[in-house]
N, C-alpha and C. Protein backbone atom coordinates (compact mmCIF):
# COMPACT_ATOMS: atom_id res chain seq x y z
N MET A 1 -5.80 22.54 3.59
CA MET A 1 -5.11 20.64 3.91
C MET A 1 -4.14 20.08 2.76
N SER A 2 -3.21 19.62 3.15
CA SER A 2 -2.38 19.82 2.00
C SER A 2 -2.94 18.27 1.16
N VAL A 3 -1.55 18.27 0.34
CA VAL A 3 -2.09 16.79 -0.82
C VAL A 3 -2.10 15.45 0.49
N VAL A 4 -0.62 15.69 1.32
CA VAL A 4 -0.32 14.76 1.82
C VAL A 4 -1.74 14.23 2.92
N ASP A 5 -2.62 15.43 3.27
CA ASP A 5 -3.04 14.81 4.23
C ASP A 5 -4.50 14.34 3.94
N ASN A 6 -4.82 14.95 2.14
CA ASN A 6 -6.06 14.48 1.35
C ASN A 6 -5.57 12.80 1.05
N LEU A 7 -4.38 12.31 0.97
CA LEU A 7 -3.89 11.20 0.74
C LEU A 7 -4.50 10.06 1.82
N LEU A 8 -3.85 10.96 3.47
CA LEU A 8 -3.94 10.17 4.44
C LEU A 8 -5.64 9.48 4.57
N ARG A 9 -6.35 10.78 4.34
CA ARG A 9 -7.65 9.96 4.81
C ARG A 9 -8.59 9.32 3.54
N LEU A 10 -7.68 9.89 2.69
CA LEU A 10 -8.38 8.84 1.24
C LEU A 10 -7.91 7.09 1.34
N HIS A 11 -6.73 7.04 1.90
CA HIS A 11 -6.02 6.12 2.32
C HIS A 11 -7.09 4.96 3.73
N ARG A 12 -7.22 6.00 4.54
CA ARG A 12 -8.02 5.42 5.88
C ARG A 12 -9.09 5.63 5.41
N ARG A 13 -10.34 5.71 4.39
CA ARG A 13 -11.53 5.27 3.89
C ARG A 13 -11.39 4.05 3.08
N GLU A 14 -10.08 4.17 2.37
CA GLU A 14 -10.06 2.69 1.83
C GLU A 14 -9.87 1.61 2.71
N CYS A 15 -9.39 1.67 3.78
CA CYS A 15 -8.79 0.96 4.71
C CYS A 15 -10.36 -0.02 5.46
N ASP A 16 -11.18 1.18 5.75
CA ASP A 16 -11.88 1.20 6.56
C ASP A 16 -13.15 0.38 5.25
N GLU A 17 -12.98 0.71 3.87
CA GLU A 17 -13.82 -0.05 3.14
C GLU A 17 -13.26 -1.52 2.89
N ARG A 18 -12.45 -1.57 2.84
CA ARG A 18 -11.92 -2.83 2.55
C ARG A 18 -11.93 -3.89 3.77
N ARG A 19 -12.07 -3.48 5.51
CA ARG A 19 -12.53 -3.63 6.64
C ARG A 19 -13.73 -4.77 6.40
N ARG A 20 -14.70 -3.54 6.35
CA ARG A 20 -15.88 -3.98 5.89
C ARG A 20 -16.39 -5.08 4.86
N PHE A 21 -15.58 -4.86 3.33
CA PHE A 21 -15.97 -5.76 2.90
C PHE A 21 -15.36 -7.32 3.05
N ALA A 22 -14.69 -7.56 3.86
CA ALA A 22 -13.94 -8.31 4.43
C ALA A 22 -14.71 -9.35 5.43
N ALA A 23 -15.14 -8.38 6.12
CA ALA A 23 -16.16 -8.65 7.74
C ALA A 23 -17.22 -9.44 6.60
N GLU A 24 -17.85 -9.13 5.59
CA GLU A 24 -18.78 -8.99 5.22
C GLU A 24 -18.85 -10.38 4.35
N LEU A 25 -17.84 -10.89 3.53
CA LEU A 25 -17.67 -11.99 2.69
C LEU A 25 -17.44 -13.03 3.89
N GLU A 26 -16.98 -12.36 5.08
CA GLU A 26 -16.37 -13.47 6.54
C GLU A 26 -17.93 -13.94 7.07
N SER A 27 -18.95 -12.88 6.75
CA SER A 27 -19.83 -13.01 7.35
C SER A 27 -20.92 -14.11 6.54
N LEU A 28 -20.66 -13.55 5.10
CA LEU A 28 -21.48 -14.55 4.26
C LEU A 28 -21.04 -16.11 3.98
N THR A 29 -19.65 -16.54 4.24
CA THR A 29 -19.17 -17.25 4.21
C THR A 29 -19.92 -18.59 5.80
N GLU A 30 -19.84 -17.35 6.70
CA GLU A 30 -20.38 -18.48 7.58
C GLU A 30 -21.58 -18.63 7.58
N ARG A 31 -22.69 -18.24 7.01
CA ARG A 31 -23.89 -18.37 6.85
C ARG A 31 -24.24 -19.52 5.74
N LEU A 32 -23.28 -19.48 5.18
CA LEU A 32 -22.72 -20.35 3.95
C LEU A 32 -22.90 -21.98 4.81
N ARG A 33 -22.21 -21.90 5.22
CA ARG A 33 -21.42 -23.04 6.53
C ARG A 33 -22.69 -23.37 7.17
N ALA A 34 -23.23 -23.18 7.37
CA ALA A 34 -24.65 -23.02 8.14
C ALA A 34 -25.72 -23.48 7.83
N ASP A 35 -25.72 -23.33 6.52
CA ASP A 35 -26.84 -23.43 5.30
C ASP A 35 -26.08 -25.39 5.40
N ALA A 36 -25.34 -25.02 5.00
CA ALA A 36 -24.42 -26.07 4.59
C ALA A 36 -24.57 -27.74 5.58
N GLY A 37 -24.52 -26.81 6.39
CA GLY A 37 -24.63 -27.94 7.94
C GLY A 37 -26.20 -28.39 7.94
N ARG A 38 -26.69 -27.07 7.62
CA ARG A 38 -28.28 -27.72 8.09
C ARG A 38 -28.56 -28.45 6.78
N VAL A 39 -28.54 -28.50 5.62
CA VAL A 39 -28.62 -28.90 4.61
C VAL A 39 -28.32 -30.73 4.75
N GLN A 40 -26.96 -30.90 5.16
CA GLN A 40 -26.46 -32.37 5.58
C GLN A 40 -27.18 -32.49 6.44
N ALA A 41 -27.78 -31.97 7.44
CA ALA A 41 -28.48 -32.63 8.62
C ALA A 41 -29.95 -33.06 7.85
N GLU A 42 -30.40 -32.54 7.19
CA GLU A 42 -31.88 -32.72 6.65
C GLU A 42 -31.31 -33.96 5.46
N MET A 43 -30.08 -33.86 4.80
CA MET A 43 -30.04 -35.16 4.19
C MET A 43 -29.94 -36.23 4.80
N GLU A 44 -29.12 -36.38 6.06
CA GLU A 44 -28.85 -37.73 6.73
C GLU A 44 -30.40 -37.73 7.58
N THR A 45 -31.30 -37.08 7.70
CA THR A 45 -32.73 -37.56 8.15
C THR A 45 -33.57 -37.45 7.18
N GLY A 46 -33.46 -37.26 6.08
CA GLY A 46 -34.31 -37.00 5.20
C GLY A 46 -34.67 -38.01 4.62
N GLY A 47 -33.79 -38.48 3.56
CA GLY A 47 -34.28 -40.21 2.71
C GLY A 47 -34.79 -39.69 1.44
N GLY A 48 -35.46 -40.97 1.03
CA GLY A 48 -36.24 -40.92 0.12
C GLY A 48 -35.43 -40.48 -1.48
N GLY A 49 -36.87 -39.39 -2.20
CA GLY A 49 -36.02 -39.14 -3.66
C GLY A 49 -35.53 -37.81 -3.12
N MET A 50 -35.39 -37.25 -2.24
CA MET A 50 -34.53 -35.88 -2.11
C MET A 50 -33.69 -35.95 -1.43
N ALA A 51 -32.95 -37.30 -1.22
CA ALA A 51 -31.38 -37.02 -0.96
C ALA A 51 -30.79 -36.72 -2.01
N GLU A 52 -30.95 -37.27 -2.96
CA GLU A 52 -30.04 -36.60 -4.41
C GLU A 52 -30.19 -34.89 -4.30
N THR A 53 -31.14 -34.56 -4.45
CA THR A 53 -31.58 -33.24 -4.57
C THR A 53 -31.19 -32.43 -3.16
N TRP A 54 -31.22 -33.25 -2.02
CA TRP A 54 -29.88 -32.54 -0.88
C TRP A 54 -28.36 -32.21 -1.35
N ALA A 55 -28.09 -33.89 -1.72
CA ALA A 55 -26.66 -34.04 -1.64
C ALA A 55 -26.45 -32.93 -2.70
N GLU A 56 -27.09 -32.66 -3.86
CA GLU A 56 -26.70 -31.34 -4.71
C GLU A 56 -26.67 -30.50 -4.12
N ARG A 57 -27.89 -29.75 -3.78
CA ARG A 57 -27.60 -28.59 -2.97
C ARG A 57 -26.13 -28.46 -1.72
N CYS A 58 -26.10 -29.28 -1.25
CA CYS A 58 -24.89 -28.83 0.17
C CYS A 58 -23.78 -28.94 -0.83
N GLN A 59 -23.10 -30.12 -2.18
CA GLN A 59 -22.40 -29.41 -2.98
C GLN A 59 -22.04 -27.99 -3.35
N ARG A 60 -23.45 -27.45 -3.91
CA ARG A 60 -23.12 -26.38 -4.36
C ARG A 60 -22.60 -25.28 -3.16
N LEU A 61 -23.35 -25.45 -2.09
CA LEU A 61 -23.00 -24.62 -0.87
C LEU A 61 -21.47 -24.59 -0.86
N GLU A 62 -21.15 -26.12 -0.69
CA GLU A 62 -19.58 -26.30 -0.25
C GLU A 62 -18.81 -25.53 -1.27
N ARG A 63 -19.03 -25.69 -2.60
CA ARG A 63 -18.21 -25.06 -3.55
C ARG A 63 -18.71 -23.34 -3.39
N SER A 64 -20.03 -22.92 -3.22
CA SER A 64 -19.79 -21.42 -2.70
C SER A 64 -18.52 -21.05 -1.55
N VAL A 65 -18.94 -21.84 -0.62
CA VAL A 65 -17.88 -21.57 0.41
C VAL A 65 -16.65 -21.62 0.14
N ALA A 66 -15.79 -22.53 -0.69
CA ALA A 66 -14.52 -23.00 -1.01
C ALA A 66 -14.37 -21.32 -2.01
N ASP A 67 -15.26 -21.28 -2.72
CA ASP A 67 -14.91 -19.71 -3.60
C ASP A 67 -14.65 -18.38 -2.86
N LEU A 68 -15.92 -18.25 -1.51
CA LEU A 68 -15.80 -17.20 -0.98
C LEU A 68 -14.66 -17.57 -0.03
N ASP A 69 -13.91 -18.96 0.71
CA ASP A 69 -12.42 -18.83 1.16
C ASP A 69 -11.85 -18.08 0.72
N GLY A 70 -11.71 -18.09 -0.72
CA GLY A 70 -10.71 -17.42 -1.84
C GLY A 70 -10.53 -16.34 -1.56
N GLN A 71 -12.02 -16.03 -1.90
CA GLN A 71 -12.05 -14.10 -1.80
C GLN A 71 -11.60 -13.56 -0.43
N VAL A 72 -12.11 -14.45 0.74
CA VAL A 72 -11.72 -13.57 1.83
C VAL A 72 -10.30 -13.52 1.72
N ALA A 73 -9.56 -14.66 1.65
CA ALA A 73 -7.89 -14.40 1.72
C ALA A 73 -7.66 -13.38 0.77
N ALA A 74 -8.24 -13.46 -0.59
CA ALA A 74 -7.99 -11.70 -1.14
C ALA A 74 -8.21 -10.79 -0.51
N ALA A 75 -9.16 -10.83 -0.22
CA ALA A 75 -9.83 -9.76 0.49
C ALA A 75 -8.55 -9.13 1.92
N ARG A 76 -8.35 -10.39 2.42
CA ARG A 76 -7.48 -9.92 4.02
C ARG A 76 -6.29 -9.49 3.00
N ALA A 77 -5.79 -9.71 2.33
CA ALA A 77 -4.28 -9.17 1.60
C ALA A 77 -4.27 -8.03 0.67
N ALA A 78 -5.64 -7.59 0.61
CA ALA A 78 -5.85 -6.36 0.22
C ALA A 78 -6.06 -5.46 1.20
N LEU A 79 -6.54 -5.44 2.47
CA LEU A 79 -6.43 -5.22 3.33
C LEU A 79 -5.29 -4.94 4.07
N ALA A 80 -4.34 -5.79 4.25
CA ALA A 80 -2.94 -6.00 5.00
C ALA A 80 -2.13 -4.79 3.88
N ALA A 81 -2.09 -4.80 2.53
CA ALA A 81 -1.46 -3.77 1.69
C ALA A 81 -2.00 -2.49 1.68
N ALA A 82 -3.53 -2.58 2.01
CA ALA A 82 -3.87 -1.25 2.30
C ALA A 82 -3.15 -0.53 3.63
N GLU A 83 -3.39 -1.16 4.53
CA GLU A 83 -3.08 -0.67 5.81
C GLU A 83 -1.71 -0.38 5.84
N GLU A 84 -0.41 -1.27 5.01
CA GLU A 84 0.89 -0.76 5.25
C GLU A 84 0.77 0.59 3.75
N GLN A 85 0.14 0.86 2.95
CA GLN A 85 0.39 1.87 2.62
C GLN A 85 -0.19 3.24 3.46
N LEU A 86 -1.01 2.94 4.17
CA LEU A 86 -1.68 3.85 5.14
C LEU A 86 -0.82 4.33 6.01
N LYS A 87 -0.11 3.16 6.95
CA LYS A 87 1.18 3.49 7.41
C LYS A 87 2.35 4.42 7.12
N LEU A 88 2.41 4.24 5.61
CA LEU A 88 3.51 5.02 5.16
C LEU A 88 3.20 6.20 5.00
N TYR A 89 1.38 6.72 4.78
CA TYR A 89 1.25 7.96 4.61
C TYR A 89 1.06 8.64 6.03
N GLU A 90 0.64 7.86 6.86
CA GLU A 90 0.94 8.08 8.37
C GLU A 90 2.19 8.88 8.82
N ARG A 91 3.40 8.03 8.50
CA ARG A 91 4.47 8.33 8.78
C ARG A 91 5.06 9.71 7.81
N ALA A 92 4.39 10.00 6.87
CA ALA A 92 4.96 11.08 5.72
C ALA A 92 4.18 12.54 6.82
N VAL A 93 3.50 12.04 6.97
CA VAL A 93 2.27 13.42 7.96
C VAL A 93 2.88 13.27 9.25
N THR A 94 3.56 12.58 10.18
CA THR A 94 4.17 12.58 11.32
C THR A 94 5.39 13.45 10.84
N VAL A 95 6.39 12.89 9.90
CA VAL A 95 7.46 13.73 9.92
C VAL A 95 7.78 14.93 9.27
N ARG A 96 6.03 15.03 8.24
CA ARG A 96 6.29 16.59 7.38
C ARG A 96 5.99 17.11 9.10
N ALA A 97 5.27 16.90 10.16
CA ALA A 97 4.71 17.96 11.31
C ALA A 97 6.05 17.58 12.59
N GLY A 98 6.72 17.37 12.33
CA GLY A 98 7.70 17.00 12.82
C GLY A 98 9.03 18.13 12.26
N GLY A 99 9.26 17.87 10.73
CA GLY A 99 9.72 18.82 10.23
C GLY A 99 9.62 20.33 10.36
N ALA A 100 7.43 20.58 9.98
CA ALA A 100 7.78 21.99 10.29
C ALA A 100 7.83 22.97 11.77
N ALA A 101 7.60 21.79 12.89
CA ALA A 101 7.93 22.54 14.17
C ALA A 101 9.51 22.37 14.24
N LEU A 102 10.24 22.08 13.58
CA LEU A 102 11.81 21.68 13.70
C LEU A 102 12.40 23.32 12.85
N SER A 103 11.46 23.31 11.67
CA SER A 103 11.85 24.52 11.02
C SER A 103 11.25 25.97 11.97
N GLY A 104 10.34 25.88 12.64
CA GLY A 104 9.63 26.92 13.48
C GLY A 104 10.57 27.12 14.50
N ARG A 105 11.28 26.51 15.03
CA ARG A 105 12.30 26.30 16.14
C ARG A 105 13.74 26.92 15.59
N ARG A 106 14.34 26.63 14.44
CA ARG A 106 15.62 26.96 13.43
C ARG A 106 14.64 28.77 13.30
N LEU A 107 13.81 29.04 13.08
CA LEU A 107 13.28 30.72 12.64
C LEU A 107 13.58 31.06 14.24
N ALA A 108 12.67 30.42 15.35
CA ALA A 108 12.31 31.23 16.39
C ALA A 108 14.36 31.51 16.79
N ARG A 109 14.77 30.81 16.78
CA ARG A 109 16.29 30.70 17.33
C ARG A 109 17.42 31.76 16.13
N ARG A 110 16.76 31.93 15.06
CA ARG A 110 17.61 32.67 13.84
C ARG A 110 17.32 33.95 14.39
N PHE A 111 15.72 34.26 14.82
CA PHE A 111 15.66 35.76 15.08
C PHE A 111 15.42 36.37 16.30
N ARG A 112 16.37 35.59 17.65
CA ARG A 112 16.52 35.85 18.54
C ARG A 112 17.73 37.87 19.22
């Protein structure tokens, strides 16, 4: 296995890991949004002394969601960059394989 093949495998693995990471962040964001919705509903139906506690919790959840939204955007950007890098290595392997086939044909013609 050549160096280019190893780099190709490495970049494929990196893309897979970045996809999983972005998906996990998105899943966590959705869970926190759902929690914030439930807290908001509890706050509206609850009342009394708990309203401040519910409001604080809701604000914390909303801040966490906003932070995670930024992390998701960064993870997507990193994934896009990793996928572009992977495309470069895939092209290099394709060109390399095409060049080797071309060289083989030239050799075959030479020795006829």
